[in-house]
Each structure stands twice: as C-alpha cells, then as structure tokens.
Amino acid sequence: MTQPHDVIHLPPPEQRTAALERVMKEKGLVTDQFIDDVAGMVSDLGPMIGARLVARAWIDEDFRRRLLDDAKAAAAELGIGGPEGELVAIANTDEVHNVVVCTLCSCYPWAVLGLPPNWYKSPAYRARMVREPRGLLGEMGLDIPDEVEVHVWDSSAEKRFMIVPQRPEGTEDHDEDALAALVTRDGMIGVAAL
C-alpha cells in the first residue's frame, strides 16, 4: 500500500491518483485487483485498436470495403469485439471530410477508440459541431478547404461512428504497424487529419 510519504516525489496527477487510490482502498471501496483490472481494461481499449482497423483498411482494399460495409464484422475479423450497438466506419475523401458528434449525450465507440476525450462530451462541442463544423474544426487546428464538404455524423446508443482518415502521402513503404502508429483518436473522430 502506498503511504503518504511515498507520494511526495511524484508529479501532481500521480499524487492525486495515488491519494484517491489509497483512500478508496482504506474505505473498502476498491481492491488492488479491481484497480489492476480497470487499468488493464483502459490499456486494452485505447485508440490503437481503431488504428489497427484503419491501417488494415489502408493496405487491404478488400478489408476496407468490408469495414465500410459492416465495421463490426470487419473488426471481428481482427479479433476486435464488443462495440456497443452498430459500429459504422465512414471514410474521408478528397471531396468530403467527416466528423463525429453525439448531440444528445456522449455516445462513443469505446471498444475501438478507447476513452472519449472530455471535449467530446462538452455541450459546446456537441452544439457547435452541428451548427458550425468548419469553424470549430479550424479552432481545433484542422482547416478544411472550402471546396471540401464537411459531413457531421451524430452517434447514438444504437449507432456509433468512427472515421477512416485518408492515408497520408509518402507512406507507401510503411507496414501495417507503422501505419497504425500514425492514426490518432482525434483522426478517427474527424477533428484531426490523422
């Protein structure tokens, strides 16, 4: 068990985490096994799972078609399961940039993108992405050219979306692992190019 004096050398976020962990264990609210299980689940759920889907779609045209036709079944081909509801993959193109929002709450494909970012759940993101997607994307660092359409996809408990970003130029010699390392959670939400 971590003692208060053991935490002094840690940066503030780790200090807070250690203090919360200690108090929760002292009160009998959690066990070491529970904490280990949650930590394992979080690492297993990260955006690298979705990145594997995107990378495979970039190198295998048949898989790409299957992913865009039935993302949940395509994910299962790679041993990825558990998306709540229907998982839908939408591909960005030179003509259309896609972005995901959940206007009602924060429906999100946890099983392939990991934990949602705080901004995804914020009322400002949810409202503004529908009203002014191009402007909000610009504020988030992604400038979409005027000739490119922006499509906003509204996730729900029944249907959750992930974006397949465009493969970057100059990556023809990259293998699947190297390609997956380029893909980010924000790219699969559509607020970043990758």
Foldseek 3Di string as FASTA:
>chain_A
DDDLVNLVPDPVVVNVVVVVVVVCVVVVNDDPVRVVVVVVVQVQQAQLLLLLLLLCVQVPVVLVVVCQVFVQVSSVVVVQHDFQAGEHEAEADLAEFEAEAALPAQDARRSNHGDDDPVRGDNCCSVCCVVPVQVVLVVLPDHDDPRHHYHYHHDDSNYHYWYNADQDPPCPVPHSVVSSVVDHSRVRRRSDRD
